[in-house]
Amino acid sequence: MTTTARVAIVTGAGSGIGRAVALALGSEGYAVVLAGRRPDALAQTVRDGGDHGSRLLAVPTDVTDPGSVRALFDRTKEAFGRLDVLFNNAGVGAPGVPLDELTVAEWRTVVETNLTGPFLCTQQAFRLMKDQTPRGGRIINNGSISASVPRPFSAPYTATKHAITGLTRSTSLDGRKHDIACGQIDIGNAATELAAKMAKGVPQANGEIAVEPLMDVNHVARAVVYMAGLPLEANVQFMTVMATKMPFIGRG
């Protein structure tokens, strides 16, 4: 077991926001456990870490599988002895089709990854954070602009992100007596592989297809680092980080 000052788990760390956040935490001196389904993508994140790649530990994980999640937290405790920050980031969307054309399987895939996954990780984080010394830690949930308002044809994704807000509030309340803080970051149009379609045009509420502005994903990473670095006596309950000119204010 290696003793280190601060330890974080980032789910969905093989690409996009998860990779950017993992690298940013690593550059700030955190030991970061990288969780994701694709070992090759996690290995690339480690390589991208450069000089601080030695502080990045890849643990292939399926967040929808309770046994896999339990193994992730067991490995974290074995390697580093504690956990200070969990970033519940892993998420998927469903095909952008009318609600009545979605299959039950597509619905369940989104719910299992976007909602059950964060719950399972939060549950394991509680068990570890309650018993470690010093006690406590911080959980940060990746919400979305969709946690406030939907896009067209986004029922499964939007429903789960609204549910994440409920999970954030309940976790924040239930964690108080254990010195576990919980907050949520809602992100709009960070420039990642998944958001690349925004630059080509996406459906709007009025039926039009419009190009939407994107922002550098590192703005998100810096925001998460700020949230993670607060002392446990302070908490960012909700933060929205978005491309300034994206159609969010006034949407819906």
Protein backbone atom coordinates (compact mmCIF):
# COMPACT_ATOMS: atom_id res chain seq x y z
CA MET A 1 0.00 0.00 0.00
CA THR A 2 1.28 3.45 -0.97
CA THR A 3 0.52 6.39 1.32
CA THR A 4 -0.24 9.59 -0.55
CA ALA A 5 -1.70 12.97 0.34
CA ARG A 6 -4.87 12.88 -1.78
CA VAL A 7 -6.56 10.05 -3.67
CA ALA A 8 -9.30 10.32 -6.30
CA ILE A 9 -11.36 7.91 -8.39
CA VAL A 10 -12.59 9.12 -11.78
CA THR A 11 -15.10 6.98 -13.67
CA GLY A 12 -15.27 7.21 -17.43
CA ALA A 13 -11.59 8.18 -17.33
CA GLY A 14 -10.72 6.76 -20.74
CA SER A 15 -11.90 9.75 -22.78
CA GLY A 16 -13.48 13.18 -22.84
CA ILE A 17 -14.30 14.92 -19.58
CA GLY A 18 -13.16 11.97 -17.47
CA ARG A 19 -9.72 11.92 -19.08
CA ALA A 20 -9.32 15.69 -18.78
CA VAL A 21 -10.32 15.67 -15.10
CA ALA A 22 -8.09 12.71 -14.27
CA LEU A 23 -5.09 14.41 -15.87
CA ALA A 24 -5.84 17.70 -14.14
CA LEU A 25 -6.09 16.01 -10.73
CA GLY A 26 -2.88 14.12 -11.41
CA SER A 27 -1.08 17.34 -12.28
CA GLU A 28 -2.22 18.75 -8.92
CA GLY A 29 -0.55 15.90 -7.05
CA TYR A 30 -3.48 13.54 -6.58
CA ALA A 31 -3.10 9.81 -6.97
CA VAL A 32 -5.90 9.04 -9.45
CA VAL A 33 -7.59 5.70 -10.00
CA LEU A 34 -8.90 5.57 -13.56
CA ALA A 35 -12.10 3.56 -14.01
CA GLY A 36 -13.63 2.66 -17.36
CA ARG A 37 -14.70 -0.25 -19.51
CA ARG A 38 -11.88 -0.02 -22.10
CA PRO A 39 -8.39 -0.97 -20.86
CA ASP A 40 -6.74 0.50 -23.97
CA ALA A 41 -8.39 3.89 -23.41
CA LEU A 42 -7.36 3.91 -19.74
CA ALA A 43 -3.81 3.07 -20.77
CA GLN A 44 -3.83 6.06 -23.12
CA THR A 45 -4.90 8.33 -20.26
CA VAL A 46 -1.95 7.05 -18.25
CA ARG A 47 0.39 7.77 -21.17
CA ASP A 48 -1.11 11.24 -21.54
CA GLY A 49 -0.21 11.85 -17.90
CA GLY A 50 3.44 12.19 -18.85
CA ASP A 51 5.59 12.91 -15.83
CA HIS A 52 2.73 12.35 -13.40
CA GLY A 53 1.56 9.15 -15.11
CA SER A 54 3.10 7.19 -12.24
CA ARG A 55 0.33 8.55 -10.02
CA LEU A 56 -2.39 7.21 -12.33
CA LEU A 57 -3.69 3.69 -11.72
CA ALA A 58 -5.92 2.12 -14.38
CA VAL A 59 -8.60 -0.27 -13.09
CA PRO A 60 -10.95 -1.54 -15.84
CA THR A 61 -14.45 -1.28 -14.40
CA ASP A 62 -18.08 -1.71 -15.44
CA VAL A 63 -19.97 0.76 -13.23
CA THR A 64 -23.25 -1.09 -13.83
CA ASP A 65 -21.87 -4.26 -12.20
CA PRO A 66 -21.88 -4.25 -8.37
CA GLY A 67 -19.02 -6.75 -8.21
CA SER A 68 -16.87 -4.73 -10.59
CA VAL A 69 -17.50 -1.53 -8.63
CA ARG A 70 -16.67 -3.27 -5.35
CA ALA A 71 -13.40 -4.50 -6.88
CA LEU A 72 -12.56 -0.93 -7.98
CA PHE A 73 -12.85 0.41 -4.44
CA ASP A 74 -11.05 -2.58 -2.95
CA ARG A 75 -8.16 -1.98 -5.37
CA THR A 76 -8.09 1.71 -4.46
CA LYS A 77 -7.89 0.93 -0.77
CA GLU A 78 -5.23 -1.70 -1.38
CA ALA A 79 -3.09 0.65 -3.48
CA PHE A 80 -3.50 3.93 -1.59
CA GLY A 81 -5.16 3.22 1.74
CA ARG A 82 -7.97 5.77 1.42
CA LEU A 83 -10.20 7.79 -0.91
CA ASP A 84 -10.64 11.56 -0.79
CA VAL A 85 -12.57 12.31 -4.00
CA LEU A 86 -14.95 10.36 -6.22
CA PHE A 87 -15.91 11.92 -9.56
CA ASN A 88 -18.98 10.08 -10.87
CA ASN A 89 -18.52 10.89 -14.54
CA ALA A 90 -19.24 7.78 -16.63
CA GLY A 91 -22.33 8.22 -18.79
CA VAL A 92 -23.96 7.29 -22.08
CA GLY A 93 -26.79 8.54 -24.23
CA ALA A 94 -29.46 6.82 -26.31
CA PRO A 95 -30.16 7.20 -30.03
CA GLY A 96 -31.73 10.58 -30.80
CA VAL A 97 -35.09 9.25 -31.92
CA PRO A 98 -38.67 10.11 -30.91
CA LEU A 99 -39.56 8.87 -27.44
CA ASP A 100 -42.09 6.34 -28.71
CA GLU A 101 -39.43 4.71 -30.92
CA LEU A 102 -36.94 4.00 -28.13
CA THR A 103 -36.50 0.38 -27.13
CA VAL A 104 -36.68 -0.74 -23.53
CA ALA A 105 -33.12 -2.05 -23.88
CA GLU A 106 -31.88 1.40 -24.92
CA TRP A 107 -33.68 2.97 -21.96
CA ARG A 108 -32.22 0.46 -19.52
CA THR A 109 -28.68 0.90 -20.82
CA VAL A 110 -28.79 4.64 -20.11
CA VAL A 111 -30.41 4.21 -16.68
CA GLU A 112 -27.95 1.52 -15.62
CA THR A 113 -24.88 3.53 -16.62
CA ASN A 114 -25.99 7.07 -15.76
CA LEU A 115 -27.91 6.42 -12.54
CA THR A 116 -27.28 2.95 -11.14
CA GLY A 117 -23.54 3.33 -11.78
CA PRO A 118 -23.17 6.52 -9.73
CA PHE A 119 -25.31 5.01 -6.98
CA LEU A 120 -23.13 1.90 -6.77
CA CYS A 121 -19.95 4.00 -6.70
CA THR A 122 -21.41 6.37 -4.10
CA GLN A 123 -22.39 3.43 -1.91
CA GLN A 124 -18.87 2.00 -2.00
CA ALA A 125 -17.36 5.45 -1.43
CA PHE A 126 -19.49 5.87 1.70
CA ARG A 127 -18.29 2.55 3.07
CA LEU A 128 -14.65 3.50 2.54
CA MET A 129 -14.85 7.17 3.56
CA LYS A 130 -16.78 6.46 6.78
CA ASP A 131 -14.13 4.10 8.12
CA GLN A 132 -10.88 5.77 7.07
CA THR A 133 -8.70 8.11 9.13
CA PRO A 134 -9.07 11.01 8.77
CA ARG A 135 -12.72 10.33 8.11
CA GLY A 136 -14.78 11.63 5.20
CA GLY A 137 -14.27 12.75 1.64
CA ARG A 138 -15.98 14.36 -1.31
CA ILE A 139 -18.22 13.03 -4.08
CA ILE A 140 -18.73 15.07 -7.26
CA ASN A 141 -21.44 14.02 -9.68
CA ASN A 142 -21.37 14.93 -13.36
CA GLY A 143 -24.85 16.21 -14.07
CA SER A 144 -25.54 18.05 -17.31
CA ILE A 145 -27.34 21.04 -18.70
CA SER A 146 -30.01 18.36 -19.22
CA ALA A 147 -30.36 18.17 -15.44
CA SER A 148 -32.25 21.47 -15.83
CA VAL A 149 -33.80 21.40 -19.30
CA PRO A 150 -34.05 18.72 -22.03
CA ARG A 151 -32.90 18.60 -25.58
CA PRO A 152 -35.21 17.12 -28.20
CA PHE A 153 -35.22 13.30 -28.28
CA SER A 154 -33.27 12.92 -25.03
CA ALA A 155 -35.77 11.32 -22.62
CA PRO A 156 -33.49 8.62 -21.11
CA TYR A 157 -30.47 10.90 -20.74
CA THR A 158 -32.49 13.82 -19.37
CA ALA A 159 -34.41 11.61 -16.94
CA THR A 160 -31.21 10.17 -15.52
CA LYS A 161 -29.57 13.58 -15.17
CA HIS A 162 -32.60 14.92 -13.30
CA ALA A 163 -32.28 11.84 -11.09
CA ILE A 164 -28.59 12.57 -10.52
CA THR A 165 -29.62 15.90 -9.00
CA GLY A 166 -31.80 13.97 -6.55
CA LEU A 167 -28.93 11.61 -5.79
CA THR A 168 -26.61 14.58 -5.24
CA ARG A 169 -29.00 16.18 -2.75
CA SER A 170 -29.62 12.92 -0.88
CA THR A 171 -25.92 12.07 -0.79
CA SER A 172 -25.10 15.55 0.50
CA LEU A 173 -27.67 15.20 3.28
CA ASP A 174 -26.89 11.61 4.26
CA GLY A 175 -23.14 12.26 4.15
CA ARG A 176 -23.14 15.13 6.62
CA LYS A 177 -22.74 13.05 9.77
CA HIS A 178 -19.88 11.14 8.15
CA ASP A 179 -17.98 14.24 6.93
CA ILE A 180 -18.80 13.30 3.32
CA ALA A 181 -19.58 16.27 1.07
CA CYS A 182 -21.34 15.94 -2.26
CA GLY A 183 -21.74 18.41 -5.12
CA GLN A 184 -22.68 18.40 -8.79
CA ILE A 185 -21.20 19.99 -11.89
CA ASP A 186 -23.55 20.61 -14.82
CA ILE A 187 -21.65 20.91 -18.08
CA GLY A 188 -22.73 22.41 -21.37
CA ASN A 189 -20.94 21.69 -24.65
CA ALA A 190 -17.41 20.83 -23.60
CA ALA A 191 -15.37 20.01 -26.69
CA THR A 192 -15.02 16.23 -26.50
CA GLU A 193 -15.52 13.38 -28.93
CA LEU A 194 -19.13 12.99 -27.77
CA ALA A 195 -19.89 16.69 -28.30
CA ALA A 196 -18.31 16.94 -31.73
CA LYS A 197 -21.75 16.73 -33.33
CA MET A 198 -22.59 20.13 -31.84
CA ALA A 199 -20.23 21.78 -34.31
CA LYS A 200 -22.11 20.17 -37.20
CA GLY A 201 -25.61 21.07 -36.01
CA VAL A 202 -28.06 19.47 -33.59
CA PRO A 203 -31.87 19.62 -33.22
CA GLN A 204 -33.34 22.60 -31.36
CA ALA A 205 -36.64 22.89 -29.51
CA ASN A 206 -38.27 24.69 -32.47
CA GLY A 207 -37.35 21.89 -34.85
CA GLU A 208 -34.42 23.65 -36.48
CA ILE A 209 -30.92 22.20 -36.78
CA ALA A 210 -28.32 24.64 -35.46
CA VAL A 211 -24.59 24.68 -34.82
CA GLU A 212 -23.79 25.23 -31.14
CA PRO A 213 -20.63 26.74 -29.63
CA LEU A 214 -18.20 24.54 -27.74
CA MET A 215 -15.72 25.30 -24.96
CA ASP A 216 -12.34 23.79 -24.09
CA VAL A 217 -12.82 20.73 -21.87
CA ASN A 218 -9.99 21.95 -19.65
CA HIS A 219 -12.30 24.64 -18.28
CA VAL A 220 -14.38 21.79 -16.86
CA ALA A 221 -11.31 20.02 -15.52
CA ARG A 222 -10.17 23.13 -13.66
CA ALA A 223 -13.65 23.55 -12.17
CA VAL A 224 -13.65 19.98 -10.85
CA VAL A 225 -10.16 20.48 -9.40
CA TYR A 226 -11.47 23.54 -7.57
CA MET A 227 -14.47 21.64 -6.20
CA ALA A 228 -12.28 18.72 -5.16
CA GLY A 229 -9.74 20.92 -3.41
CA LEU A 230 -12.10 22.63 -0.97
CA PRO A 231 -11.82 21.72 2.71
CA LEU A 232 -14.71 19.55 3.86
CA GLU A 233 -16.19 22.47 5.80
CA ALA A 234 -17.09 24.05 2.42
CA ASN A 235 -18.95 22.63 -0.57
CA VAL A 236 -19.94 23.65 -4.08
CA GLN A 237 -23.44 22.17 -4.10
CA PHE A 238 -24.12 22.91 -7.78
CA MET A 239 -21.97 24.49 -10.47
CA THR A 240 -22.81 25.12 -14.12
CA VAL A 241 -19.93 25.43 -16.58
CA MET A 242 -21.01 26.07 -20.16
CA ALA A 243 -20.06 27.57 -23.47
CA THR A 244 -21.14 31.18 -23.01
CA LYS A 245 -23.23 31.44 -26.18
CA MET A 246 -24.83 27.99 -26.22
CA PRO A 247 -28.65 27.91 -26.29
CA PHE A 248 -29.32 27.10 -22.64
CA ILE A 249 -30.57 30.30 -21.08
CA GLY A 250 -33.91 30.77 -22.79
CA ARG A 251 -34.12 27.14 -23.90
CA GLY A 252 -37.22 25.04 -23.52
